[in-house]
Structures are given as structure tokens and as C-alpha cells.
Amino acid sequence: MDIIGEALQLLVVGMLTVFMILLIVIFLGKGLIALVNKFAPEEQVPQKKVAAMGSVATPVDAQTKSIIDAAVSQLTGGKGVVSKIQKI
């Protein structure tokens, strides 16, 4: 019985050690996130300039629109509807 008691003691100590280390990692991670959010400036994403010709939408011909409609209908089981077609 002495060996089983020693094994259980080792099991409990090992599990508590892993649990405490995981708690330390979690709290240090949360602290690091809070520090970075507080002191690091937010990145400014430059906005893309739209060219004069790019601002005018070119119409899509009927064949392309019907192909897109058929593909969306097939993928969504007839529940999807194309409301706008825009080149990205």
C-alpha cells in the first residue's frame, strides 16, 4: 500500500504543478494583451484610392449573370439570391 500512496501523491503533485503553470501562462498572456492594447498604437490601414474609371461599375452581360445565378442557386440549394454583382 505504501507504493500506491506514493504514486497517488506524485500524481496529485504533478497535476497541481501543471494546473498552476497553466494559470500562470493564462494570466501572463492576459496581462501582455492588456499592456499591448494600452501602450501600442493601433495600426492605421491606408485606404485604397479608387480610380476615376474604377468608380463606374461596368454592367455584367446577361450570360454571365445567369451563370452566377445558377452557381449560387446550386450551392445554396435554391435559397440564395444574387442581389448585386461587383468586381472587387
PDB file of N, CA and C in Angstrom:
ATOM      1  N   MET A   1       0.812  -1.193   0.000  1.00  0.00           N
ATOM      2  CA  MET A   1       0.000   0.000   0.000  1.00  0.00           C
ATOM      3  C   MET A   1       0.857   1.259   0.000  1.00  0.00           C
ATOM      4  N   ASP A   2       2.077   1.142   0.456  1.00  0.00           N
ATOM      5  CA  ASP A   2       2.955   2.312   0.519  1.00  0.00           C
ATOM      6  C   ASP A   2       3.284   2.823  -0.888  1.00  0.00           C
ATOM      7  N   ILE A   3       3.420   1.921  -1.841  1.00  0.00           N
ATOM      8  CA  ILE A   3       3.756   2.306  -3.210  1.00  0.00           C
ATOM      9  C   ILE A   3       2.580   3.033  -3.861  1.00  0.00           C
ATOM     10  N   ILE A   4       1.350   2.569  -3.602  1.00  0.00           N
ATOM     11  CA  ILE A   4       0.165   3.208  -4.177  1.00  0.00           C
ATOM     12  C   ILE A   4      -0.009   4.611  -3.602  1.00  0.00           C
ATOM     13  N   GLY A   5       0.228   4.772  -2.321  1.00  0.00           N
ATOM     14  CA  GLY A   5       0.126   6.088  -1.688  1.00  0.00           C
ATOM     15  C   GLY A   5       1.145   7.056  -2.263  1.00  0.00           C
ATOM     16  N   GLU A   6       2.345   6.564  -2.481  1.00  0.00           N
ATOM     17  CA  GLU A   6       3.387   7.407  -3.060  1.00  0.00           C
ATOM     18  C   GLU A   6       3.039   7.779  -4.508  1.00  0.00           C
ATOM     19  N   ALA A   7       2.474   6.837  -5.249  1.00  0.00           N
ATOM     20  CA  ALA A   7       2.072   7.099  -6.632  1.00  0.00           C
ATOM     21  C   ALA A   7       0.945   8.135  -6.679  1.00  0.00           C
ATOM     22  N   LEU A   8      -0.018   8.015  -5.789  1.00  0.00           N
ATOM     23  CA  LEU A   8      -1.113   8.994  -5.749  1.00  0.00           C
ATOM     24  C   LEU A   8      -0.599  10.372  -5.361  1.00  0.00           C
ATOM     25  N   GLN A   9       0.330  10.417  -4.417  1.00  0.00           N
ATOM     26  CA  GLN A   9       0.913  11.696  -4.010  1.00  0.00           C
ATOM     27  C   GLN A   9       1.653  12.337  -5.198  1.00  0.00           C
ATOM     28  N   LEU A  10       2.403  11.551  -5.930  1.00  0.00           N
ATOM     29  CA  LEU A  10       3.121  12.055  -7.104  1.00  0.00           C
ATOM     30  C   LEU A  10       2.136  12.527  -8.179  1.00  0.00           C
ATOM     31  N   LEU A  11       1.040  11.790  -8.343  1.00  0.00           N
ATOM     32  CA  LEU A  11       0.014  12.168  -9.309  1.00  0.00           C
ATOM     33  C   LEU A  11      -0.597  13.515  -8.956  1.00  0.00           C
ATOM     34  N   VAL A  12      -0.955  13.693  -7.695  1.00  0.00           N
ATOM     35  CA  VAL A  12      -1.593  14.940  -7.258  1.00  0.00           C
ATOM     36  C   VAL A  12      -0.621  16.105  -7.386  1.00  0.00           C
ATOM     37  N   VAL A  13       0.621  15.916  -6.955  1.00  0.00           N
ATOM     38  CA  VAL A  13       1.608  16.992  -7.042  1.00  0.00           C
ATOM     39  C   VAL A  13       1.862  17.358  -8.500  1.00  0.00           C
ATOM     40  N   GLY A  14       1.957  16.387  -9.376  1.00  0.00           N
ATOM     41  CA  GLY A  14       2.182  16.659 -10.796  1.00  0.00           C
ATOM     42  C   GLY A  14       1.011  17.394 -11.424  1.00  0.00           C
ATOM     43  N   MET A  15      -0.211  16.988 -11.125  1.00  0.00           N
ATOM     44  CA  MET A  15      -1.381  17.644 -11.703  1.00  0.00           C
ATOM     45  C   MET A  15      -1.521  19.071 -11.181  1.00  0.00           C
ATOM     46  N   LEU A  16      -1.260  19.279  -9.891  1.00  0.00           N
ATOM     47  CA  LEU A  16      -1.318  20.637  -9.341  1.00  0.00           C
ATOM     48  C   LEU A  16      -0.239  21.523  -9.944  1.00  0.00           C
ATOM     49  N   THR A  17       0.932  20.966 -10.183  1.00  0.00           N
ATOM     50  CA  THR A  17       2.011  21.744 -10.794  1.00  0.00           C
ATOM     51  C   THR A  17       1.625  22.176 -12.206  1.00  0.00           C
ATOM     52  N   VAL A  18       1.093  21.265 -12.989  1.00  0.00           N
ATOM     53  CA  VAL A  18       0.673  21.602 -14.349  1.00  0.00           C
ATOM     54  C   VAL A  18      -0.446  22.629 -14.315  1.00  0.00           C
ATOM     55  N   PHE A  19      -1.401  22.482 -13.416  1.00  0.00           N
ATOM     56  CA  PHE A  19      -2.505  23.426 -13.286  1.00  0.00           C
ATOM     57  C   PHE A  19      -1.992  24.818 -12.929  1.00  0.00           C
ATOM     58  N   MET A  20      -1.059  24.907 -11.987  1.00  0.00           N
ATOM     59  CA  MET A  20      -0.519  26.210 -11.586  1.00  0.00           C
ATOM     60  C   MET A  20       0.266  26.858 -12.722  1.00  0.00           C
ATOM     61  N   ILE A  21       1.042  26.068 -13.460  1.00  0.00           N
ATOM     62  CA  ILE A  21       1.795  26.628 -14.580  1.00  0.00           C
ATOM     63  C   ILE A  21       0.846  27.129 -15.659  1.00  0.00           C
ATOM     64  N   LEU A  22      -0.223  26.394 -15.932  1.00  0.00           N
ATOM     65  CA  LEU A  22      -1.202  26.856 -16.918  1.00  0.00           C
ATOM     66  C   LEU A  22      -1.885  28.148 -16.468  1.00  0.00           C
ATOM     67  N   LEU A  23      -2.194  28.264 -15.190  1.00  0.00           N
ATOM     68  CA  LEU A  23      -2.778  29.510 -14.680  1.00  0.00           C
ATOM     69  C   LEU A  23      -1.809  30.677 -14.858  1.00  0.00           C
ATOM     70  N   ILE A  24      -0.532  30.437 -14.585  1.00  0.00           N
ATOM     71  CA  ILE A  24       0.472  31.488 -14.752  1.00  0.00           C
ATOM     72  C   ILE A  24       0.549  31.911 -16.223  1.00  0.00           C
ATOM     73  N   VAL A  25       0.535  30.953 -17.132  1.00  0.00           N
ATOM     74  CA  VAL A  25       0.589  31.269 -18.561  1.00  0.00           C
ATOM     75  C   VAL A  25      -0.636  32.076 -18.975  1.00  0.00           C
ATOM     76  N   ILE A  26      -1.800  31.697 -18.490  1.00  0.00           N
ATOM     77  CA  ILE A  26      -3.034  32.404 -18.847  1.00  0.00           C
ATOM     78  C   ILE A  26      -2.997  33.844 -18.354  1.00  0.00           C
ATOM     79  N   PHE A  27      -2.621  34.043 -17.091  1.00  0.00           N
ATOM     80  CA  PHE A  27      -2.613  35.394 -16.537  1.00  0.00           C
ATOM     81  C   PHE A  27      -1.520  36.258 -17.152  1.00  0.00           C
ATOM     82  N   LEU A  28      -0.358  35.683 -17.455  1.00  0.00           N
ATOM     83  CA  LEU A  28       0.682  36.451 -18.132  1.00  0.00           C
ATOM     84  C   LEU A  28       0.248  36.818 -19.548  1.00  0.00           C
ATOM     85  N   GLY A  29      -0.439  35.921 -20.221  1.00  0.00           N
ATOM     86  CA  GLY A  29      -0.950  36.223 -21.561  1.00  0.00           C
ATOM     87  C   GLY A  29      -1.978  37.333 -21.544  1.00  0.00           C
ATOM     88  N   LYS A  30      -2.897  37.287 -20.579  1.00  0.00           N
ATOM     89  CA  LYS A  30      -3.897  38.353 -20.463  1.00  0.00           C
ATOM     90  C   LYS A  30      -3.238  39.689 -20.129  1.00  0.00           C
ATOM     91  N   GLY A  31      -2.235  39.644 -19.260  1.00  0.00           N
ATOM     92  CA  GLY A  31      -1.510  40.864 -18.918  1.00  0.00           C
ATOM     93  C   GLY A  31      -0.772  41.449 -20.108  1.00  0.00           C
ATOM     94  N   LEU A  32      -0.139  40.590 -20.887  1.00  0.00           N
ATOM     95  CA  LEU A  32       0.568  41.051 -22.078  1.00  0.00           C
ATOM     96  C   LEU A  32      -0.392  41.668 -23.080  1.00  0.00           C
ATOM     97  N   ILE A  33      -1.540  41.043 -23.270  1.00  0.00           N
ATOM     98  CA  ILE A  33      -2.543  41.591 -24.187  1.00  0.00           C
ATOM     99  C   ILE A  33      -3.015  42.958 -23.703  1.00  0.00           C
ATOM    100  N   ALA A  34      -3.248  43.090 -22.396  1.00  0.00           N
ATOM    101  CA  ALA A  34      -3.697  44.375 -21.846  1.00  0.00           C
ATOM    102  C   ALA A  34      -2.629  45.447 -22.035  1.00  0.00           C
ATOM    103  N   LEU A  35      -1.351  45.107 -21.810  1.00  0.00           N
ATOM    104  CA  LEU A  35      -0.274  46.082 -21.988  1.00  0.00           C
ATOM    105  C   LEU A  35      -0.140  46.511 -23.443  1.00  0.00           C
ATOM    106  N   VAL A  36      -0.206  45.563 -24.341  1.00  0.00           N
ATOM    107  CA  VAL A  36      -0.077  45.901 -25.764  1.00  0.00           C
ATOM    108  C   VAL A  36      -1.246  46.772 -26.201  1.00  0.00           C
ATOM    109  N   ASN A  37      -2.446  46.456 -25.766  1.00  0.00           N
ATOM    110  CA  ASN A  37      -3.609  47.264 -26.143  1.00  0.00           C
ATOM    111  C   ASN A  37      -3.544  48.661 -25.551  1.00  0.00           C
ATOM    112  N   LYS A  38      -2.902  48.802 -24.393  1.00  0.00           N
ATOM    113  CA  LYS A  38      -2.842  50.095 -23.733  1.00  0.00           C
ATOM    114  C   LYS A  38      -1.764  50.992 -24.332  1.00  0.00           C
ATOM    115  N   PHE A  39      -0.586  50.439 -24.613  1.00  0.00           N
ATOM    116  CA  PHE A  39       0.547  51.271 -24.995  1.00  0.00           C
ATOM    117  C   PHE A  39       0.869  51.267 -26.480  1.00  0.00           C
ATOM    118  N   ALA A  40       0.555  50.232 -27.195  1.00  0.00           N
ATOM    119  CA  ALA A  40       0.881  50.173 -28.623  1.00  0.00           C
ATOM    120  C   ALA A  40      -0.199  50.907 -29.410  1.00  0.00           C
ATOM    121  N   PRO A  41       0.209  51.774 -30.320  1.00  0.00           N
ATOM    122  CA  PRO A  41      -0.807  52.469 -31.130  1.00  0.00           C
ATOM    123  C   PRO A  41      -1.438  51.516 -32.127  1.00  0.00           C
ATOM    124  N   GLU A  42      -2.681  51.797 -32.436  1.00  0.00           N
ATOM    125  CA  GLU A  42      -3.403  50.964 -33.394  1.00  0.00           C
ATOM    126  C   GLU A  42      -2.883  51.263 -34.788  1.00  0.00           C
ATOM    127  N   GLU A  43      -2.740  50.220 -35.590  1.00  0.00           N
ATOM    128  CA  GLU A  43      -2.240  50.405 -36.948  1.00  0.00           C
ATOM    129  C   GLU A  43      -3.251  51.172 -37.781  1.00  0.00           C
ATOM    130  N   GLN A  44      -2.738  52.108 -38.551  1.00  0.00           N
ATOM    131  CA  GLN A  44      -3.590  52.850 -39.463  1.00  0.00           C
ATOM    132  C   GLN A  44      -3.522  52.169 -40.821  1.00  0.00           C
ATOM    133  N   VAL A  45      -4.625  51.621 -41.262  1.00  0.00           N
ATOM    134  CA  VAL A  45      -4.683  50.933 -42.549  1.00  0.00           C
ATOM    135  C   VAL A  45      -4.931  51.982 -43.617  1.00  0.00           C
ATOM    136  N   PRO A  46      -4.012  52.093 -44.576  1.00  0.00           N
ATOM    137  CA  PRO A  46      -4.235  53.094 -45.628  1.00  0.00           C
ATOM    138  C   PRO A  46      -5.416  52.706 -46.503  1.00  0.00           C
ATOM    139  N   GLN A  47      -6.227  53.688 -46.805  1.00  0.00           N
ATOM    140  CA  GLN A  47      -7.394  53.426 -47.636  1.00  0.00           C
ATOM    141  C   GLN A  47      -6.967  53.410 -49.096  1.00  0.00           C
ATOM    142  N   LYS A  48      -7.541  52.484 -49.842  1.00  0.00           N
ATOM    143  CA  LYS A  48      -7.234  52.384 -51.262  1.00  0.00           C
ATOM    144  C   LYS A  48      -7.950  53.498 -52.009  1.00  0.00           C
ATOM    145  N   LYS A  49      -7.203  54.119 -52.893  1.00  0.00           N
ATOM    146  CA  LYS A  49      -7.818  55.159 -53.709  1.00  0.00           C
ATOM    147  C   LYS A  49      -8.513  54.504 -54.893  1.00  0.00           C
ATOM    148  N   VAL A  50      -9.717  54.940 -55.128  1.00  0.00           N
ATOM    149  CA  VAL A  50     -10.489  54.406 -56.239  1.00  0.00           C
ATOM    150  C   VAL A  50     -10.210  55.270 -57.454  1.00  0.00           C
ATOM    151  N   ALA A  51      -9.815  54.644 -58.541  1.00  0.00           N
ATOM    152  CA  ALA A  51      -9.548  55.379 -59.772  1.00  0.00           C
ATOM    153  C   ALA A  51     -10.849  55.936 -60.337  1.00  0.00           C
ATOM    154  N   ALA A  52     -10.730  56.965 -61.112  1.00  0.00           N
ATOM    155  CA  ALA A  52     -11.921  57.604 -61.679  1.00  0.00           C
ATOM    156  C   ALA A  52     -12.705  56.625 -62.536  1.00  0.00           C
ATOM    157  N   MET A  53     -12.011  55.796 -63.310  1.00  0.00           N
ATOM    158  CA  MET A  53     -12.703  54.829 -64.147  1.00  0.00           C
ATOM    159  C   MET A  53     -13.227  53.666 -63.314  1.00  0.00           C
ATOM    160  N   GLY A  54     -12.553  53.339 -62.210  1.00  0.00           N
ATOM    161  CA  GLY A  54     -12.968  52.218 -61.392  1.00  0.00           C
ATOM    162  C   GLY A  54     -14.222  52.492 -60.594  1.00  0.00           C
ATOM    163  N   SER A  55     -14.550  53.771 -60.414  1.00  0.00           N
ATOM    164  CA  SER A  55     -15.731  54.090 -59.622  1.00  0.00           C
ATOM    165  C   SER A  55     -17.025  53.812 -60.387  1.00  0.00           C
ATOM    166  N   VAL A  56     -16.939  53.781 -61.696  1.00  0.00           N
ATOM    167  CA  VAL A  56     -18.124  53.490 -62.502  1.00  0.00           C
ATOM    168  C   VAL A  56     -18.203  51.980 -62.686  1.00  0.00           C
ATOM    169  N   ALA A  57     -19.298  51.402 -62.254  1.00  0.00           N
ATOM    170  CA  ALA A  57     -19.470  49.955 -62.359  1.00  0.00           C
ATOM    171  C   ALA A  57     -19.800  49.573 -63.793  1.00  0.00           C
ATOM    172  N   THR A  58     -19.075  48.587 -64.287  1.00  0.00           N
ATOM    173  CA  THR A  58     -19.371  48.114 -65.640  1.00  0.00           C
ATOM    174  C   THR A  58     -20.490  47.076 -65.533  1.00  0.00           C
ATOM    175  N   PRO A  59     -21.470  47.166 -66.381  1.00  0.00           N
ATOM    176  CA  PRO A  59     -22.584  46.214 -66.303  1.00  0.00           C
ATOM    177  C   PRO A  59     -22.140  44.809 -66.704  1.00  0.00           C
ATOM    178  N   VAL A  60     -22.776  43.826 -66.116  1.00  0.00           N
ATOM    179  CA  VAL A  60     -22.485  42.427 -66.404  1.00  0.00           C
ATOM    180  C   VAL A  60     -23.476  41.955 -67.456  1.00  0.00           C
ATOM    181  N   ASP A  61     -22.945  41.245 -68.468  1.00  0.00           N
ATOM    182  CA  ASP A  61     -23.849  40.787 -69.522  1.00  0.00           C
ATOM    183  C   ASP A  61     -24.779  39.692 -68.983  1.00  0.00           C
ATOM    184  N   ALA A  62     -25.841  39.429 -69.695  1.00  0.00           N
ATOM    185  CA  ALA A  62     -26.896  38.515 -69.247  1.00  0.00           C
ATOM    186  C   ALA A  62     -26.399  37.086 -69.075  1.00  0.00           C
ATOM    187  N   GLN A  63     -25.493  36.636 -69.940  1.00  0.00           N
ATOM    188  CA  GLN A  63     -24.994  35.260 -69.859  1.00  0.00           C
ATOM    189  C   GLN A  63     -24.182  35.071 -68.571  1.00  0.00           C
ATOM    190  N   THR A  64     -23.317  36.029 -68.259  1.00  0.00           N
ATOM    191  CA  THR A  64     -22.515  35.930 -67.025  1.00  0.00           C
ATOM    192  C   THR A  64     -23.412  35.969 -65.802  1.00  0.00           C
ATOM    193  N   LYS A  65     -24.414  36.844 -65.835  1.00  0.00           N
ATOM    194  CA  LYS A  65     -25.336  36.937 -64.698  1.00  0.00           C
ATOM    195  C   LYS A  65     -26.100  35.630 -64.508  1.00  0.00           C
ATOM    196  N   SER A  66     -26.530  35.011 -65.596  1.00  0.00           N
ATOM    197  CA  SER A  66     -27.274  33.754 -65.472  1.00  0.00           C
ATOM    198  C   SER A  66     -26.373  32.629 -64.955  1.00  0.00           C
ATOM    199  N   ILE A  67     -25.103  32.626 -65.355  1.00  0.00           N
ATOM    200  CA  ILE A  67     -24.163  31.617 -64.851  1.00  0.00           C
ATOM    201  C   ILE A  67     -23.948  31.797 -63.355  1.00  0.00           C
ATOM    202  N   ILE A  68     -23.773  33.040 -62.922  1.00  0.00           N
ATOM    203  CA  ILE A  68     -23.585  33.306 -61.496  1.00  0.00           C
ATOM    204  C   ILE A  68     -24.838  32.934 -60.715  1.00  0.00           C
ATOM    205  N   ASP A  69     -26.010  33.282 -61.242  1.00  0.00           N
ATOM    206  CA  ASP A  69     -27.274  32.918 -60.584  1.00  0.00           C
ATOM    207  C   ASP A  69     -27.413  31.406 -60.448  1.00  0.00           C
ATOM    208  N   ALA A  70     -27.057  30.671 -61.505  1.00  0.00           N
ATOM    209  CA  ALA A  70     -27.161  29.211 -61.466  1.00  0.00           C
ATOM    210  C   ALA A  70     -26.187  28.616 -60.449  1.00  0.00           C
ATOM    211  N   ALA A  71     -24.981  29.158 -60.386  1.00  0.00           N
ATOM    212  CA  ALA A  71     -23.992  28.646 -59.433  1.00  0.00           C
ATOM    213  C   ALA A  71     -24.431  28.899 -58.002  1.00  0.00           C
ATOM    214  N   VAL A  72     -24.937  30.090 -57.726  1.00  0.00           N
ATOM    215  CA  VAL A  72     -25.409  30.408 -56.376  1.00  0.00           C
ATOM    216  C   VAL A  72     -26.608  29.549 -56.026  1.00  0.00           C
ATOM    217  N   SER A  73     -27.504  29.356 -56.958  1.00  0.00           N
ATOM    218  CA  SER A  73     -28.684  28.529 -56.713  1.00  0.00           C
ATOM    219  C   SER A  73     -28.289  27.083 -56.405  1.00  0.00           C
ATOM    220  N   GLN A  74     -27.307  26.569 -57.150  1.00  0.00           N
ATOM    221  CA  GLN A  74     -26.873  25.191 -56.929  1.00  0.00           C
ATOM    222  C   GLN A  74     -26.158  25.053 -55.585  1.00  0.00           C
ATOM    223  N   LEU A  75     -25.321  26.024 -55.240  1.00  0.00           N
ATOM    224  CA  LEU A  75     -24.575  25.937 -53.980  1.00  0.00           C
ATOM    225  C   LEU A  75     -25.464  26.103 -52.761  1.00  0.00           C
ATOM    226  N   THR A  76     -26.493  26.923 -52.868  1.00  0.00           N
ATOM    227  CA  THR A  76     -27.350  27.187 -51.703  1.00  0.00           C
ATOM    228  C   THR A  76     -28.630  26.379 -51.716  1.00  0.00           C
ATOM    229  N   GLY A  77     -28.789  25.520 -52.677  1.00  0.00           N
ATOM    230  CA  GLY A  77     -29.996  24.700 -52.741  1.00  0.00           C
ATOM    231  C   GLY A  77     -31.224  25.493 -53.106  1.00  0.00           C
ATOM    232  N   GLY A  78     -31.064  26.546 -53.890  1.00  0.00           N
ATOM    233  CA  GLY A  78     -32.199  27.360 -54.327  1.00  0.00           C
ATOM    234  C   GLY A  78     -32.610  28.422 -53.342  1.00  0.00           C
ATOM    235  N   LYS A  79     -31.913  28.544 -52.211  1.00  0.00           N
ATOM    236  CA  LYS A  79     -32.293  29.525 -51.196  1.00  0.00           C
ATOM    237  C   LYS A  79     -31.544  30.840 -51.338  1.00  0.00           C
ATOM    238  N   GLY A  80     -30.430  30.831 -52.061  1.00  0.00           N
ATOM    239  CA  GLY A  80     -29.639  32.048 -52.215  1.00  0.00           C
ATOM    240  C   GLY A  80     -30.084  32.870 -53.392  1.00  0.00           C
ATOM    241  N   VAL A  81     -29.955  34.200 -53.242  1.00  0.00           N
ATOM    242  CA  VAL A  81     -30.339  35.120 -54.296  1.00  0.00           C
ATOM    243  C   VAL A  81     -29.193  36.097 -54.497  1.00  0.00           C
ATOM    244  N   VAL A  82     -28.831  36.355 -55.746  1.00  0.00           N
ATOM    245  CA  VAL A  82     -27.787  37.337 -56.059  1.00  0.00           C
ATOM    246  C   VAL A  82     -28.458  38.693 -56.142  1.00  0.00           C
ATOM    247  N   SER A  83     -28.035  39.614 -55.275  1.00  0.00           N
ATOM    248  CA  SER A  83     -28.637  40.930 -55.276  1.00  0.00           C
ATOM    249  C   SER A  83     -27.740  41.968 -55.947  1.00  0.00           C
ATOM    250  N   LYS A  84     -26.411  41.694 -55.967  1.00  0.00           N
ATOM    251  CA  LYS A  84     -25.503  42.674 -56.546  1.00  0.00           C
ATOM    252  C   LYS A  84     -24.249  41.949 -57.016  1.00  0.00           C
ATOM    253  N   ILE A  85     -23.780  42.310 -58.187  1.00  0.00           N
ATOM    254  CA  ILE A  85     -22.544  41.749 -58.726  1.00  0.00           C
ATOM    255  C   ILE A  85     -21.561  42.903 -58.858  1.00  0.00           C
ATOM    256  N   GLN A  86     -20.437  42.783 -58.127  1.00  0.00           N
ATOM    257  CA  GLN A  86     -19.459  43.873 -58.126  1.00  0.00           C
ATOM    258  C   GLN A  86     -18.060  43.295 -58.177  1.00  0.00           C
ATOM    259  N   LYS A  87     -17.219  43.831 -59.044  1.00  0.00           N
ATOM    260  CA  LYS A  87     -15.842  43.376 -59.126  1.00  0.00           C
ATOM    261  C   LYS A  87     -15.065  43.954 -57.960  1.00  0.00           C
ATOM    262  N   ILE A  88     -14.297  43.083 -57.320  1.00  0.00           N
ATOM    263  CA  ILE A  88     -13.516  43.510 -56.142  1.00  0.00           C
ATOM    264  C   ILE A  88     -12.103  43.818 -56.554  1.00  0.00           C
TER     265      ILE A  88
END
